[in-house]
Amino acid sequence: MSVLVAFASRYGATRQIAQQIGAVLSVAGHDVRVRPAAAAGDVRDHDAVVLGSSVYRGHWMEQATAFAEQHRATLVDRPVWLFSSGMLADSPPPTDAPTDLDRYAEMLGARDRAAFGGALVVRRLDLLDQVLRLAPSRRRVLRSGDLRDWVDIDHWAHQIAAELSASTLA
């Protein structure tokens, strides 16, 4: 099965998650393309799509939202999985405030969605992100480090691979 793993990543941590998901799917026997969402090409060339985005200031990156909006008609006709990556992944949003992950999962009829921790290397941040990180309300939650749980990411990717394999047998 042909699978597109599209992602939006500012500093590279989400790209690495997308690459790991792609590697797991590839080992499971699927024809996988891992591409930035802004340069993913024609979705119609793929049987399934995994779309992920870094989360900044509480929202998906514009490249991921534009991809979802632009390809909406095609994506609703394919198996789709969504993921977010960010330093606040372990802090659930208030129940009355759906995340972009929730909104796009509903809009596209996603089979599943996952929120993974991100990685923050302060010296790599642009000036605006460095300034925002210093705000008293963010200092505690935007700590430097790598919060990605590779076991969790691999487990989720294996679940996708199993679903894809089951659907090709049906």
Protein backbone atom coordinates (compact mmCIF):
# COMPACT_ATOMS: atom_id res chain seq x y z
CA MET A 1 0.00 0.00 0.00
CA SER A 2 1.30 3.47 -0.87
CA VAL A 3 1.47 5.73 2.19
CA LEU A 4 2.29 9.44 2.39
CA VAL A 5 3.67 10.67 5.71
CA ALA A 6 3.38 14.47 5.48
CA PHE A 7 4.60 16.78 8.22
CA ALA A 8 5.11 20.39 9.24
CA SER A 9 8.14 21.01 11.43
CA ARG A 10 9.90 24.23 12.32
CA TYR A 11 13.02 22.94 14.05
CA GLY A 12 13.14 19.29 12.93
CA ALA A 13 11.74 17.30 15.86
CA THR A 14 8.43 16.58 14.12
CA ARG A 15 10.29 15.71 10.92
CA GLN A 16 12.19 13.06 12.89
CA ILE A 17 8.92 11.65 14.25
CA ALA A 18 7.51 11.50 10.71
CA GLN A 19 10.66 9.75 9.50
CA GLN A 20 10.38 7.17 12.28
CA ILE A 21 6.72 6.51 11.46
CA GLY A 22 7.68 6.16 7.80
CA ALA A 23 10.47 3.72 8.67
CA VAL A 24 8.12 1.50 10.68
CA LEU A 25 5.55 1.49 7.87
CA SER A 26 8.24 0.73 5.30
CA VAL A 27 9.60 -2.22 7.30
CA ALA A 28 6.01 -3.50 7.46
CA GLY A 29 6.04 -3.68 3.66
CA HIS A 30 4.37 -0.44 2.62
CA ASP A 31 5.61 1.92 -0.07
CA VAL A 32 6.22 5.06 2.01
CA ARG A 33 7.02 8.66 1.09
CA VAL A 34 7.93 11.05 3.91
CA ARG A 35 7.57 14.67 2.77
CA PRO A 36 7.08 18.17 4.18
CA ALA A 37 3.39 19.03 3.93
CA ALA A 38 4.18 22.06 1.77
CA ALA A 39 5.93 19.85 -0.81
CA ALA A 40 4.00 16.59 -0.48
CA GLY A 41 2.68 16.49 -4.01
CA ASP A 42 -0.56 14.90 -5.13
CA VAL A 43 -2.35 13.02 -2.35
CA ARG A 44 -4.25 11.00 -4.97
CA ASP A 45 -1.01 9.10 -5.65
CA HIS A 46 -1.28 7.45 -2.21
CA ASP A 47 -3.66 4.95 -0.65
CA ALA A 48 -3.29 6.32 2.90
CA VAL A 49 -1.94 9.43 4.62
CA VAL A 50 -0.33 10.18 7.96
CA LEU A 51 -0.23 13.93 8.66
CA GLY A 52 1.61 15.53 11.55
CA SER A 53 2.47 18.98 12.76
CA SER A 54 4.46 20.74 15.39
CA VAL A 55 2.31 22.78 17.73
CA TYR A 56 3.27 26.42 18.34
CA ARG A 57 1.31 28.79 20.51
CA GLY A 58 -1.38 26.13 20.73
CA HIS A 59 -1.87 25.58 17.00
CA TRP A 60 -0.69 23.41 14.15
CA MET A 61 1.71 25.01 11.72
CA GLU A 62 0.24 26.71 8.67
CA GLN A 63 1.77 24.18 6.26
CA ALA A 64 -0.16 21.32 7.93
CA THR A 65 -3.46 23.18 8.13
CA ALA A 66 -3.13 24.32 4.49
CA PHE A 67 -2.39 20.72 3.45
CA ALA A 68 -5.47 19.43 5.29
CA GLU A 69 -7.69 22.15 3.83
CA GLN A 70 -6.32 21.90 0.29
CA HIS A 71 -6.59 18.10 0.13
CA ARG A 72 -9.71 17.69 2.24
CA ALA A 73 -11.87 16.17 -0.52
CA THR A 74 -9.22 13.53 -1.28
CA LEU A 75 -8.28 12.84 2.33
CA VAL A 76 -11.80 12.02 3.47
CA ASP A 77 -11.81 9.14 0.95
CA ARG A 78 -8.60 7.57 2.33
CA PRO A 79 -7.42 6.17 5.62
CA VAL A 80 -5.87 9.10 7.50
CA TRP A 81 -3.97 9.29 10.78
CA LEU A 82 -2.97 12.55 12.46
CA PHE A 83 -0.36 13.47 15.05
CA SER A 84 0.85 16.55 16.87
CA SER A 85 4.22 17.15 18.42
CA GLY A 86 5.01 19.76 21.01
CA MET A 87 6.36 20.54 24.42
CA LEU A 88 2.83 20.65 25.85
CA ALA A 89 1.70 17.26 24.53
CA ASP A 90 1.47 15.85 28.06
CA SER A 91 -0.80 18.71 29.22
CA PRO A 92 -4.35 18.12 28.02
CA PRO A 93 -6.23 21.20 26.81
CA PRO A 94 -9.38 22.31 28.62
CA THR A 95 -12.32 20.14 27.59
CA ASP A 96 -14.14 23.12 26.06
CA ALA A 97 -11.17 23.97 23.80
CA PRO A 98 -10.66 21.42 21.03
CA THR A 99 -7.17 21.37 19.58
CA ASP A 100 -6.28 21.61 15.90
CA LEU A 101 -5.59 17.88 16.13
CA ASP A 102 -9.19 17.31 17.26
CA ARG A 103 -10.67 19.64 14.64
CA TYR A 104 -8.77 18.12 11.72
CA ALA A 105 -9.38 14.57 12.94
CA GLU A 106 -13.11 15.24 12.84
CA MET A 107 -12.97 17.13 9.54
CA LEU A 108 -10.99 14.39 7.78
CA GLY A 109 -12.53 11.39 9.51
CA ALA A 110 -9.14 10.32 10.84
CA ARG A 111 -8.81 6.70 11.96
CA ASP A 112 -6.71 7.79 14.93
CA ARG A 113 -4.78 10.71 16.33
CA ALA A 114 -1.87 11.01 18.70
CA ALA A 115 -0.11 13.79 20.57
CA PHE A 116 3.58 13.28 21.19
CA GLY A 117 6.04 15.27 23.21
CA GLY A 118 8.42 17.47 21.30
CA ALA A 119 12.03 18.51 21.56
CA LEU A 120 13.22 21.96 22.46
CA VAL A 121 16.79 23.14 21.93
CA VAL A 122 16.77 26.74 23.15
CA ARG A 123 19.80 27.85 21.14
CA ARG A 124 18.01 26.85 17.90
CA LEU A 125 14.88 28.93 18.58
CA ASP A 126 14.23 32.04 16.54
CA LEU A 127 14.05 35.35 18.40
CA LEU A 128 10.24 35.41 18.78
CA ASP A 129 10.14 31.88 20.18
CA GLN A 130 12.99 32.70 22.59
CA VAL A 131 11.12 35.77 23.85
CA LEU A 132 7.84 33.85 24.23
CA ARG A 133 9.62 31.07 26.11
CA LEU A 134 10.76 33.60 28.74
CA ALA A 135 7.19 34.61 29.64
CA PRO A 136 6.51 33.62 33.27
CA SER A 137 3.48 31.52 32.27
CA ARG A 138 5.55 29.46 29.82
CA ARG A 139 8.86 29.12 31.62
CA ARG A 140 7.69 26.07 33.56
CA VAL A 141 6.17 24.17 30.60
CA LEU A 142 8.62 25.14 27.85
CA ARG A 143 11.67 23.54 29.31
CA SER A 144 14.63 22.59 27.18
CA GLY A 145 14.95 18.93 26.36
CA ASP A 146 13.59 16.04 24.35
CA LEU A 147 10.19 14.79 25.48
CA ARG A 148 9.60 12.47 22.54
CA ASP A 149 8.71 8.95 23.64
CA TRP A 150 10.11 6.80 20.85
CA VAL A 151 8.53 3.63 22.23
CA ASP A 152 5.10 5.33 22.12
CA ILE A 153 5.78 6.65 18.60
CA ASP A 154 6.86 3.19 17.39
CA HIS A 155 3.82 1.58 19.02
CA TRP A 156 1.47 4.02 17.26
CA ALA A 157 3.23 3.48 13.93
CA HIS A 158 2.95 -0.31 14.35
CA GLN A 159 -0.79 0.08 14.98
CA ILE A 160 -1.10 2.01 11.71
CA ALA A 161 0.93 -0.66 9.89
CA ALA A 162 -1.33 -3.39 11.26
CA GLU A 163 -4.47 -1.54 10.17
CA LEU A 164 -3.05 -0.94 6.70
CA SER A 165 -2.04 -4.60 6.35
CA ALA A 166 -5.48 -5.76 7.49
CA SER A 167 -7.22 -3.46 5.02
CA THR A 168 -5.12 -4.75 2.09
CA LEU A 169 -6.21 -8.31 2.90
CA ALA A 170 -9.90 -7.43 2.98
